[in-house]
Structure formats: structure tokens, C-alpha cells
C-alpha atoms as a PDB file:
ATOM      1  CA  MET A   1     -61.684   5.176 137.465  1.00  0.00           C
ATOM      2  CA  ASP A   2     -59.627   3.827 134.629  1.00  0.00           C
ATOM      3  CA  LEU A   3     -62.724   3.578 132.488  1.00  0.00           C
ATOM      4  CA  ILE A   4     -63.583   7.220 133.111  1.00  0.00           C
ATOM      5  CA  ALA A   5     -60.040   8.357 132.189  1.00  0.00           C
ATOM      6  CA  TRP A   6     -60.153   6.294 129.054  1.00  0.00           C
ATOM      7  CA  LEU A   7     -63.468   7.868 128.046  1.00  0.00           C
ATOM      8  CA  VAL A   8     -62.022  11.358 128.620  1.00  0.00           C
ATOM      9  CA  VAL A   9     -59.037  10.583 126.436  1.00  0.00           C
ATOM     10  CA  LEU A  10     -61.268   9.149 123.741  1.00  0.00           C
ATOM     11  CA  PHE A  11     -63.484  12.225 123.803  1.00  0.00           C
ATOM     12  CA  LEU A  12     -60.541  14.579 123.544  1.00  0.00           C
ATOM     13  CA  SER A  13     -59.080  12.531 120.699  1.00  0.00           C
ATOM     14  CA  ILE A  14     -62.322  12.749 118.777  1.00  0.00           C
ATOM     15  CA  GLN A  15     -62.504  16.484 119.486  1.00  0.00           C
ATOM     16  CA  CYS A  16     -58.933  16.989 118.283  1.00  0.00           C
ATOM     17  CA  SER A  17     -59.574  15.015 115.125  1.00  0.00           C
ATOM     18  CA  VAL A  18     -62.813  16.835 114.337  1.00  0.00           C
ATOM     19  CA  GLY A  19     -61.980  20.373 115.466  1.00  0.00           C
ATOM     20  CA  GLN A  20     -58.775  22.287 114.821  1.00  0.00           C
ATOM     21  CA  VAL A  21     -57.121  22.568 118.205  1.00  0.00           C
ATOM     22  CA  ASN A  22     -54.292  25.177 117.993  1.00  0.00           C
ATOM     23  CA  THR A  23     -53.113  24.807 121.579  1.00  0.00           C
ATOM     24  CA  GLY A  24     -51.996  21.935 123.695  1.00  0.00           C
ATOM     25  CA  CYS A  25     -50.759  18.548 122.622  1.00  0.00           C
ATOM     26  CA  LEU A  26     -51.339  17.415 119.058  1.00  0.00           C
ATOM     27  CA  LYS A  27     -50.446  13.751 119.517  1.00  0.00           C
ATOM     28  CA  TRP A  28     -50.104  11.764 122.723  1.00  0.00           C
ATOM     29  CA  THR A  29     -49.818   8.228 124.139  1.00  0.00           C
ATOM     30  CA  GLN A  30     -52.034   6.699 126.878  1.00  0.00           C
ATOM     31  CA  ARG A  31     -50.116   5.575 129.920  1.00  0.00           C
ATOM     32  CA  GLY A  32     -52.429   4.379 132.662  1.00  0.00           C
ATOM     33  CA  SER A  33     -54.658   7.163 133.834  1.00  0.00           C
ATOM     34  CA  ASN A  34     -52.448   9.824 132.203  1.00  0.00           C
ATOM     35  CA  VAL A  35     -51.429  10.716 128.667  1.00  0.00           C
ATOM     36  CA  CYS A  36     -47.914  11.613 127.531  1.00  0.00           C
ATOM     37  CA  CYS A  37     -47.467  14.193 124.745  1.00  0.00           C
ATOM     38  CA  ASP A  38     -45.478  13.175 121.693  1.00  0.00           C
ATOM     39  CA  ILE A  39     -45.934  16.307 119.557  1.00  0.00           C
ATOM     40  CA  CYS A  40     -47.198  19.779 120.431  1.00  0.00           C
ATOM     41  CA  HIS A  41     -49.247  21.897 118.104  1.00  0.00           C
ATOM     42  CA  PRO A  42     -47.146  24.170 115.841  1.00  0.00           C
ATOM     43  CA  GLY A  43     -46.141  27.298 117.759  1.00  0.00           C
ATOM     44  CA  ASN A  44     -46.555  25.550 121.159  1.00  0.00           C
ATOM     45  CA  ARG A  45     -43.883  24.634 123.630  1.00  0.00           C
ATOM     46  CA  LEU A  46     -43.998  21.635 125.958  1.00  0.00           C
ATOM     47  CA  VAL A  47     -45.041  22.325 129.564  1.00  0.00           C
ATOM     48  CA  LYS A  48     -44.769  18.768 130.909  1.00  0.00           C
ATOM     49  CA  ASP A  49     -44.514  15.351 129.340  1.00  0.00           C
ATOM     50  CA  CYS A  50     -47.507  13.588 130.904  1.00  0.00           C
ATOM     51  CA  GLY A  51     -50.756  14.489 132.672  1.00  0.00           C
ATOM     52  CA  PRO A  52     -54.445  13.725 132.756  1.00  0.00           C
ATOM     53  CA  ASP A  53     -55.348  16.559 130.310  1.00  0.00           C
ATOM     54  CA  PRO A  54     -53.438  16.646 126.954  1.00  0.00           C
ATOM     55  CA  SER A  55     -54.559  20.230 126.270  1.00  0.00           C
ATOM     56  CA  LYS A  56     -52.488  21.382 129.225  1.00  0.00           C
ATOM     57  CA  LEU A  57     -49.292  19.589 128.278  1.00  0.00           C
ATOM     58  CA  CYS A  58     -48.301  22.270 125.682  1.00  0.00           C
ATOM     59  CA  LYS A  59     -48.576  26.048 125.732  1.00  0.00           C
ATOM     60  CA  PRO A  60     -48.317  28.634 122.865  1.00  0.00           C
ATOM     61  CA  CYS A  61     -45.084  30.650 122.531  1.00  0.00           C
ATOM     62  CA  GLU A  62     -45.148  34.090 124.117  1.00  0.00           C
ATOM     63  CA  LEU A  63     -45.199  37.243 121.980  1.00  0.00           C
ATOM     64  CA  GLY A  64     -41.783  37.886 120.403  1.00  0.00           C
ATOM     65  CA  THR A  65     -40.821  34.224 120.477  1.00  0.00           C
ATOM     66  CA  TYR A  66     -41.277  31.277 118.118  1.00  0.00           C
ATOM     67  CA  THR A  67     -40.477  27.581 117.749  1.00  0.00           C
ATOM     68  CA  VAL A  68     -40.110  25.197 114.828  1.00  0.00           C
ATOM     69  CA  LYS A  69     -39.556  22.039 116.894  1.00  0.00           C
ATOM     70  CA  PRO A  70     -42.519  19.809 117.773  1.00  0.00           C
ATOM     71  CA  LYS A  71     -41.432  19.116 121.357  1.00  0.00           C
ATOM     72  CA  GLU A  72     -39.332  21.799 123.088  1.00  0.00           C
ATOM     73  CA  TYR A  73     -39.664  23.276 126.562  1.00  0.00           C
ATOM     74  CA  SER A  74     -38.836  26.825 125.448  1.00  0.00           C
ATOM     75  CA  CYS A  75     -39.363  29.104 122.458  1.00  0.00           C
ATOM     76  CA  VAL A  76     -36.682  31.106 120.629  1.00  0.00           C
ATOM     77  CA  THR A  77     -36.559  34.896 120.746  1.00  0.00           C
ATOM     78  CA  CYS A  78     -37.401  36.535 117.402  1.00  0.00           C
ATOM     79  CA  ALA A  79     -34.570  38.285 115.541  1.00  0.00           C
ATOM     80  CA  GLN A  80     -34.458  42.080 115.147  1.00  0.00           C
ATOM     81  CA  CYS A  81     -33.604  43.859 111.899  1.00  0.00           C
ATOM     82  CA  VAL A  82     -30.880  46.424 112.663  1.00  0.00           C
ATOM     83  CA  GLY A  83     -28.312  48.543 110.838  1.00  0.00           C
ATOM     84  CA  ALA A  84     -28.329  47.989 107.072  1.00  0.00           C
ATOM     85  CA  GLN A  85     -31.133  45.445 107.437  1.00  0.00           C
ATOM     86  CA  VAL A  86     -34.753  46.172 106.561  1.00  0.00           C
ATOM     87  CA  LEU A  87     -37.849  44.348 107.861  1.00  0.00           C
ATOM     88  CA  ILE A  88     -39.553  42.135 105.301  1.00  0.00           C
ATOM     89  CA  LYS A  89     -41.853  40.015 107.495  1.00  0.00           C
ATOM     90  CA  ASN A  90     -42.702  40.090 111.196  1.00  0.00           C
ATOM     91  CA  CYS A  91     -42.021  37.197 113.536  1.00  0.00           C
ATOM     92  CA  THR A  92     -44.800  34.656 114.251  1.00  0.00           C
ATOM     93  CA  ALA A  93     -45.131  31.749 116.712  1.00  0.00           C
ATOM     94  CA  THR A  94     -43.821  29.391 114.021  1.00  0.00           C
ATOM     95  CA  THR A  95     -41.427  31.609 111.994  1.00  0.00           C
ATOM     96  CA  ASP A  96     -38.624  33.984 112.812  1.00  0.00           C
ATOM     97  CA  THR A  97     -38.446  37.574 111.660  1.00  0.00           C
ATOM     98  CA  LYS A  98     -37.481  37.917 107.983  1.00  0.00           C
ATOM     99  CA  CYS A  99     -34.956  40.675 107.292  1.00  0.00           C
ATOM    100  CA  GLY A 100     -33.479  42.000 104.060  1.00  0.00           C
ATOM    101  CA  CYS A 101     -30.779  44.498 103.103  1.00  0.00           C
ATOM    102  CA  LYS A 102     -30.794  47.986 101.713  1.00  0.00           C
ATOM    103  CA  GLU A 103     -30.257  48.641  98.005  1.00  0.00           C
ATOM    104  CA  GLY A 104     -26.731  47.888  96.869  1.00  0.00           C
ATOM    105  CA  LEU A 105     -26.258  45.362  99.679  1.00  0.00           C
ATOM    106  CA  THR A 106     -27.132  41.684 100.017  1.00  0.00           C
ATOM    107  CA  CYS A 107     -27.463  39.116 102.791  1.00  0.00           C
ATOM    108  CA  GLY A 108     -24.177  37.709 104.053  1.00  0.00           C
ATOM    109  CA  ASN A 109     -25.632  34.284 104.960  1.00  0.00           C
ATOM    110  CA  ALA A 110     -28.762  32.174 104.562  1.00  0.00           C
ATOM    111  CA  GLN A 111     -30.367  33.683 107.674  1.00  0.00           C
ATOM    112  CA  CYS A 112     -29.509  37.203 106.488  1.00  0.00           C
ATOM    113  CA  SER A 113     -28.137  38.025 109.898  1.00  0.00           C
ATOM    114  CA  PHE A 114     -25.839  40.649 108.346  1.00  0.00           C
ATOM    115  CA  CYS A 115     -25.450  42.548 105.054  1.00  0.00           C
ATOM    116  CA  VAL A 116     -22.491  42.808 102.675  1.00  0.00           C
ATOM    117  CA  GLU A 117     -21.693  44.699  99.479  1.00  0.00           C
ATOM    118  CA  GLU A 118     -23.531  43.209  96.515  1.00  0.00           C
ATOM    119  CA  CYS A 119     -21.082  42.074  93.814  1.00  0.00           C
ATOM    120  CA  ALA A 120     -22.169  42.754  90.242  1.00  0.00           C
ATOM    121  CA  LYS A 121     -21.655  40.492  87.238  1.00  0.00           C
ATOM    122  CA  GLY A 122     -17.998  39.955  86.445  1.00  0.00           C
ATOM    123  CA  PHE A 123     -17.084  40.162  90.152  1.00  0.00           C
ATOM    124  CA  GLU A 124     -17.183  37.762  93.094  1.00  0.00           C
ATOM    125  CA  PRO A 125     -17.463  38.185  96.897  1.00  0.00           C
ATOM    126  CA  THR A 126     -14.370  37.713  99.064  1.00  0.00           C
ATOM    127  CA  ALA A 127     -13.806  36.552 102.629  1.00  0.00           C
ATOM    128  CA  ASP A 128     -13.491  40.149 103.853  1.00  0.00           C
ATOM    129  CA  ARG A 129     -17.015  40.895 102.544  1.00  0.00           C
ATOM    130  CA  SER A 130     -15.797  42.954  99.567  1.00  0.00           C
ATOM    131  CA  CYS A 131     -15.876  42.309  95.797  1.00  0.00           C
ATOM    132  CA  ARG A 132     -13.099  41.524  93.334  1.00  0.00           C
ATOM    133  CA  LYS A 133     -13.032  41.120  89.548  1.00  0.00           C
ATOM    134  CA  CYS A 134     -13.070  37.574  88.199  1.00  0.00           C
ATOM    135  CA  PRO A 135      -9.482  36.342  87.601  1.00  0.00           C
ATOM    136  CA  ASN A 136      -8.358  35.608  84.047  1.00  0.00           C
ATOM    137  CA  GLY A 137      -9.870  32.369  82.794  1.00  0.00           C
ATOM    138  CA  THR A 138     -13.030  32.702  84.906  1.00  0.00           C
ATOM    139  CA  PHE A 139     -16.365  34.494  84.534  1.00  0.00           C
ATOM    140  CA  ASN A 140     -19.535  35.357  86.464  1.00  0.00           C
ATOM    141  CA  ASP A 141     -22.805  36.088  84.661  1.00  0.00           C
ATOM    142  CA  LYS A 142     -24.897  36.376  87.853  1.00  0.00           C
ATOM    143  CA  VAL A 143     -25.136  38.913  90.660  1.00  0.00           C
ATOM    144  CA  HIS A 144     -23.144  38.153  93.807  1.00  0.00           C
ATOM    145  CA  GLN A 145     -21.933  34.700  92.795  1.00  0.00           C
ATOM    146  CA  LYS A 146     -18.558  32.961  92.697  1.00  0.00           C
ATOM    147  CA  CYS A 147     -16.628  33.125  89.426  1.00  0.00           C
ATOM    148  CA  LYS A 148     -16.540  29.924  87.341  1.00  0.00           C
ATOM    149  CA  PRO A 149     -13.767  28.731  84.982  1.00  0.00           C
ATOM    150  CA  TRP A 150     -14.227  29.051  81.207  1.00  0.00           C
ATOM    151  CA  SER A 151     -15.330  25.953  79.354  1.00  0.00           C
ATOM    152  CA  VAL A 152     -12.570  24.092  77.523  1.00  0.00           C
ATOM    153  CA  LYS A 153     -14.853  22.958  74.678  1.00  0.00           C
ATOM    154  CA  CYS A 154     -18.286  23.641  73.229  1.00  0.00           C
ATOM    155  CA  SER A 155     -21.230  21.731  74.644  1.00  0.00           C
ATOM    156  CA  ASN A 156     -22.505  20.952  71.131  1.00  0.00           C
ATOM    157  CA  PRO A 157     -20.248  18.589  69.130  1.00  0.00           C
ATOM    158  CA  ASN A 158     -21.142  20.461  65.907  1.00  0.00           C
ATOM    159  CA  GLU A 159     -19.693  23.740  67.215  1.00  0.00           C
ATOM    160  CA  VAL A 160     -16.182  25.163  67.480  1.00  0.00           C
ATOM    161  CA  ILE A 161     -14.775  27.856  69.766  1.00  0.00           C
ATOM    162  CA  GLU A 162     -15.087  31.249  68.071  1.00  0.00           C
ATOM    163  CA  ALA A 163     -13.791  33.499  70.874  1.00  0.00           C
ATOM    164  CA  LYS A 164     -12.412  33.223  74.377  1.00  0.00           C
ATOM    165  CA  GLY A 165     -14.475  34.211  77.376  1.00  0.00           C
ATOM    166  CA  ASP A 166     -14.133  37.283  79.552  1.00  0.00           C
ATOM    167  CA  ALA A 167     -15.015  38.244  83.134  1.00  0.00           C
ATOM    168  CA  PHE A 168     -18.727  38.387  82.256  1.00  0.00           C
ATOM    169  CA  ASN A 169     -19.201  35.545  79.743  1.00  0.00           C
ATOM    170  CA  ASP A 170     -18.054  32.028  78.963  1.00  0.00           C
ATOM    171  CA  ILE A 171     -16.418  31.063  75.638  1.00  0.00           C
ATOM    172  CA  LYS A 172     -18.365  31.757  72.437  1.00  0.00           C
ATOM    173  CA  CYS A 173     -19.100  28.836  70.135  1.00  0.00           C
ATOM    174  CA  PHE A 174     -19.913  28.893  66.424  1.00  0.00           C
ATOM    175  CA  PRO A 175     -21.822  26.138  64.552  1.00  0.00           C
ATOM    176  CA  VAL A 176     -20.065  24.413  61.667  1.00  0.00           C
ATOM    177  CA  SER A 177     -21.546  22.400  58.805  1.00  0.00           C
ATOM    178  CA  VAL A 178     -21.127  18.675  59.072  1.00  0.00           C
ATOM    179  CA  HIS A 179     -19.724  16.838  56.040  1.00  0.00           C
ATOM    180  CA  PRO A 180     -19.317  13.076  55.737  1.00  0.00           C
ATOM    181  CA  VAL A 181     -15.757  12.034  56.389  1.00  0.00           C
ATOM    182  CA  ILE A 182     -14.287   9.868  53.629  1.00  0.00           C
ATOM    183  CA  SER A 183     -11.582   7.672  55.020  1.00  0.00           C
ATOM    184  CA  THR A 184      -8.455   7.291  52.872  1.00  0.00           C
ATOM    185  CA  LYS A 185      -6.902   4.759  55.182  1.00  0.00           C
ATOM    186  CA  ALA A 186      -5.922   1.511  53.517  1.00  0.00           C
ATOM    187  CA  PRO A 187      -7.510  -1.700  54.795  1.00  0.00           C
ATOM    188  CA  ASP A 188      -5.672  -3.428  57.591  1.00  0.00           C
ATOM    189  CA  HIS A 189      -4.935  -6.457  55.382  1.00  0.00           C
ATOM    190  CA  ALA A 190      -3.246  -4.360  52.639  1.00  0.00           C
ATOM    191  CA  ASN A 191       0.544  -4.240  52.548  1.00  0.00           C
ATOM    192  CA  PRO A 192       1.614  -0.603  52.802  1.00  0.00           C
ATOM    193  CA  ILE A 193       4.952  -1.219  50.950  1.00  0.00           C
ATOM    194  CA  TRP A 194       3.380  -2.002  47.565  1.00  0.00           C
ATOM    195  CA  PRO A 195       2.281   1.582  46.769  1.00  0.00           C
ATOM    196  CA  VAL A 196       5.844   2.770  47.507  1.00  0.00           C
ATOM    197  CA  LEU A 197       7.424   0.150  45.248  1.00  0.00           C
ATOM    198  CA  LEU A 198       5.040   0.890  42.380  1.00  0.00           C
ATOM    199  CA  GLY A 199       5.814   4.580  42.676  1.00  0.00           C
ATOM    200  CA  LEU A 200       9.588   3.941  42.543  1.00  0.00           C
ATOM    201  CA  VAL A 201       9.257   1.668  39.490  1.00  0.00           C
ATOM    202  CA  GLY A 202       7.170   4.262  37.663  1.00  0.00           C
ATOM    203  CA  LEU A 203       9.672   6.998  38.489  1.00  0.00           C
ATOM    204  CA  ALA A 204      12.605   4.878  37.234  1.00  0.00           C
ATOM    205  CA  PHE A 205      10.788   4.099  33.955  1.00  0.00           C
ATOM    206  CA  VAL A 206      10.014   7.755  33.271  1.00  0.00           C
ATOM    207  CA  THR A 207      13.609   8.764  34.107  1.00  0.00           C
ATOM    208  CA  THR A 208      15.068   6.132  31.718  1.00  0.00           C
ATOM    209  CA  ILE A 209      12.838   7.175  28.817  1.00  0.00           C
ATOM    210  CA  THR A 210      13.758  10.824  29.394  1.00  0.00           C
ATOM    211  CA  ILE A 211      17.511  10.046  29.328  1.00  0.00           C
ATOM    212  CA  LEU A 212      17.221   8.027  26.108  1.00  0.00           C
ATOM    213  CA  ILE A 213      15.305  10.808  24.369  1.00  0.00           C
ATOM    214  CA  MET A 214      17.938  13.347  25.439  1.00  0.00           C
ATOM    215  CA  MET A 215      20.805  11.159  24.146  1.00  0.00           C
ATOM    216  CA  ILE A 216      19.100  10.745  20.730  1.00  0.00           C
ATOM    217  CA  LEU A 217      18.575  14.493  20.436  1.00  0.00           C
ATOM    218  CA  VAL A 218      22.221  15.205  21.360  1.00  0.00           C
ATOM    219  CA  LYS A 219      23.509  12.781  18.663  1.00  0.00           C
ATOM    220  CA  LYS A 220      21.317  14.337  15.992  1.00  0.00           C
ATOM    221  CA  LEU A 221      22.584  17.797  16.893  1.00  0.00           C
ATOM    222  CA  GLN A 222      26.217  16.634  16.676  1.00  0.00           C
ATOM    223  CA  LYS A 223      25.678  15.094  13.211  1.00  0.00           C
ATOM    224  CA  GLY A 224      24.074  18.282  11.918  1.00  0.00           C
ATOM    225  CA  LYS A 225      27.050  20.371  13.063  1.00  0.00           C
ATOM    226  CA  LYS A 226      29.573  18.074  11.297  1.00  0.00           C
ATOM    227  CA  LYS A 227      27.754  18.359   7.950  1.00  0.00           C
ATOM    228  CA  LYS A 228      27.775  22.158   8.106  1.00  0.00           C
ATOM    229  CA  THR A 229      31.495  22.547   8.985  1.00  0.00           C
ATOM    230  CA  SER A 230      32.950  19.941   6.495  1.00  0.00           C
ATOM    231  CA  THR A 231      34.502  21.183   3.038  1.00  0.00           C
ATOM    232  CA  LYS A 232      34.983  19.235  -0.205  1.00  0.00           C
ATOM    233  CA  PRO A 233      38.679  18.358  -1.038  1.00  0.00           C
ATOM    234  CA  PRO A 234      40.032  19.584  -4.396  1.00  0.00           C
ATOM    235  CA  PRO A 235      39.505  17.057  -7.193  1.00  0.00           C
ATOM    236  CA  ILE A 236      42.511  14.939  -8.056  1.00  0.00           C
ATOM    237  CA  ARG A 237      43.154  14.792 -11.789  1.00  0.00           C
ATOM    238  CA  PRO A 238      44.013  11.346 -13.022  1.00  0.00           C
ATOM    239  CA  PRO A 239      47.330  10.944 -14.999  1.00  0.00           C
ATOM    240  CA  THR A 240      47.003  11.191 -18.778  1.00  0.00           C
ATOM    241  CA  ASP A 241      49.203  10.498 -21.812  1.00  0.00           C
ATOM    242  CA  ASP A 242      47.522  13.056 -24.011  1.00  0.00           C
ATOM    243  CA  PRO A 243      50.383  15.359 -25.384  1.00  0.00           C
ATOM    244  CA  ARG A 244      47.966  18.222 -25.637  1.00  0.00           C
ATOM    245  CA  THR A 245      47.161  17.953 -22.043  1.00  0.00           C
ATOM    246  CA  LEU A 246      50.849  17.886 -21.116  1.00  0.00           C
ATOM    247  CA  ILE A 247      51.573  20.917 -23.379  1.00  0.00           C
ATOM    248  CA  ALA A 248      48.655  22.824 -21.817  1.00  0.00           C
ATOM    249  CA  ILE A 249      50.036  22.079 -18.371  1.00  0.00           C
ATOM    250  CA  GLU A 250      53.553  23.108 -19.445  1.00  0.00           C
ATOM    251  CA  CYS A 251      52.312  26.336 -20.957  1.00  0.00           C
ATOM    252  CA  SER A 252      50.325  27.201 -17.868  1.00  0.00           C
ATOM    253  CA  PHE A 253      53.498  26.848 -15.861  1.00  0.00           C
ATOM    254  CA  HIS A 254      55.371  28.881 -18.544  1.00  0.00           C
ATOM    255  CA  GLU A 255      52.987  31.790 -18.185  1.00  0.00           C
ATOM    256  CA  ALA A 256      53.446  31.775 -14.450  1.00  0.00           C
ATOM    257  CA  GLN A 257      57.232  31.723 -14.779  1.00  0.00           C
ATOM    258  CA  GLN A 258      57.255  34.623 -17.325  1.00  0.00           C
ATOM    259  CA  GLU A 259      55.713  36.804 -14.688  1.00  0.00           C
ATOM    260  CA  GLN A 260      58.666  35.864 -12.471  1.00  0.00           C
ATOM    261  CA  GLY A 261      61.330  36.397 -15.288  1.00  0.00           C
ATOM    262  CA  SER A 262      61.766  32.732 -16.446  1.00  0.00           C
ATOM    263  CA  THR A 263      61.101  30.978 -19.830  1.00  0.00           C
ATOM    264  CA  CYS A 264      58.770  28.227 -20.899  1.00  0.00           C
ATOM    265  CA  SER A 265      60.467  25.142 -22.457  1.00  0.00           C
ATOM    266  CA  ILE A 266      59.348  21.763 -23.445  1.00  0.00           C
ATOM    267  CA  GLU A 267      62.692  20.543 -22.243  1.00  0.00           C
ATOM    268  CA  SER A 268      61.524  20.799 -18.734  1.00  0.00           C
ATOM    269  CA  LEU A 269      60.025  17.337 -19.115  1.00  0.00           C
ATOM    270  CA  ASP A 270      61.806  14.836 -16.934  1.00  0.00           C
ATOM    271  CA  SER A 271      62.656  12.116 -19.440  1.00  0.00           C
ATOM    272  CA  LYS A 272      63.628  11.613 -23.078  1.00  0.00           C
ATOM    273  CA  ASP A 273      60.822   9.213 -23.597  1.00  0.00           C
ATOM    274  CA  SER A 274      58.414  11.947 -22.864  1.00  0.00           C
ATOM    275  CA  SER A 275      59.998  14.182 -25.565  1.00  0.00           C
ATOM    276  CA  GLU A 276      59.787  11.479 -28.125  1.00  0.00           C
ATOM    277  CA  GLN A 277      56.223  10.876 -27.328  1.00  0.00           C
ATOM    278  CA  LEU A 278      55.481  14.569 -27.821  1.00  0.00           C
ATOM    279  CA  ILE A 279      57.319  14.698 -31.243  1.00  0.00           C
ATOM    280  CA  ALA A 280      55.568  11.633 -32.404  1.00  0.00           C
END
């Protein structure tokens, strides 16, 4: 008896492996004279776990039902497209009904069990199934998606921000030419105080030379002014014993006194010796 059951199982296994069996059990395990189903064929539900005939352990889902699990006792009822939904694909034994939404609407979840207003670019859906404009600092460049924050820097290191973003677009970047950077930083071993000291010494030297030049120019100007303003003193006549000279002097005085009503006289000489010298 056991041998006969084993031969039946072997025959059915070979038949299942060679032919495409769409009903019944797809994979089973031998347990004595019976077999126990491990996996049903796609679109079949489990009728009982074990039995002598594996083709009777599973049964196809009824019309209007489906299953996606390999070992379930019941199938799931197919969904119905209602309201704003439109039918895209009918239900099968292995797939549920596929519904869509009318124009201007979009599915509210992954199963598209309900429809909501479709949010355009620059807007985002809200919890109450409406749309709102992207807040400042965010943007949305896709239909019916959440708004994203603007980038804080350009993705390319050789670009700079040219303009801020808006509700529809991210920031705009502009490429810049790359030039080699020449470092003017002094070596770490150099003393940074020496350049300062050299600069101060140079400044003091220039200042000293400038002051000396100004003092020389001022002295030259002062000397030039003194030469222009000075006058020659009247010449001093040396004393003389020449009688003619004395008479000429006396007569010059006499002429001046005549104009004032006085007389010229040789006697105006101060001493007798002078008179004798004149007579002689």
C-alpha cells in the first residue's frame, strides 16, 4: 500500500514538473500515505493541508476574488472603482482591480483607494487633501510632491550662487573661472616683526631727510631777505689838515647860514692854532 502511494506521488510530481498545472498544490511534502501542501499554485487558495491527492489540496479563487499569498484558506474580494475613480485594469485571480483618478485628481495613497486634488508645481499636498503654495525658502519642481528646501550652496565647487530660488525652482548657480591662488603668507619660521621694524626705520629716515632739506631752504630764504632790506651807511670822511679843505667846509656852512640871515667867518674855528695854521 505504501509503495502504491509513493508511486502515485512520484507520478504526480513528474507530471507537475513536466506539465504546467495551474490548479492544486504546487509544492508538497510526503508524510506517510498522504502529502501535505506547502505552496499552492498562484491564484489558488488552500482547501486542506494534507491528503492523498495534492491536486485537491488547493482550489482556484472564485470570480471577483484574488490572492497573492501562497498558502491561504480564503481569497480577497476585488476592489471596485467608484466616485472619482476610473477603472484601469480588471481584477484577476492573482491581482486586485487597478483604479485611477479623473483628470485634475490623483491617487491619495499607494493603493489608490481614494482620489485627491492634484497639486501643480510650486505647490504641495496638505493633510486635509488640498494644495498650498510652497513656503518661502522651499520649492517643488514636480507635480503633487512635497516642497523641498533651497540648497545652501552650489553642487559644483567652481560655481557661485547667482540668484535665490523660488516656489518652482532651486537656487541658480553661475560658473566662475578658476585662477591659481598665490599665497602671500609668510613662512611659519619667519619672524613677523621684522617687516614692521624695517618699515618704521625707512619712514624715520625719509622724515629726517625731509626736515633737514626744509631747514636749509628756510635759512637760504632768510639770508636773501636780509641782503635786500640792508642799506649802506654814509661814508665817514677822515680828518684832514688841508686848509683848503677846512675853508671849503667853512664856506659851505657860510652859504647855509646866509640863507638863514647869518654871516660866514673864519673866526668860527675853535682854536687859535687853527687860525695860525690857516694864515701860514
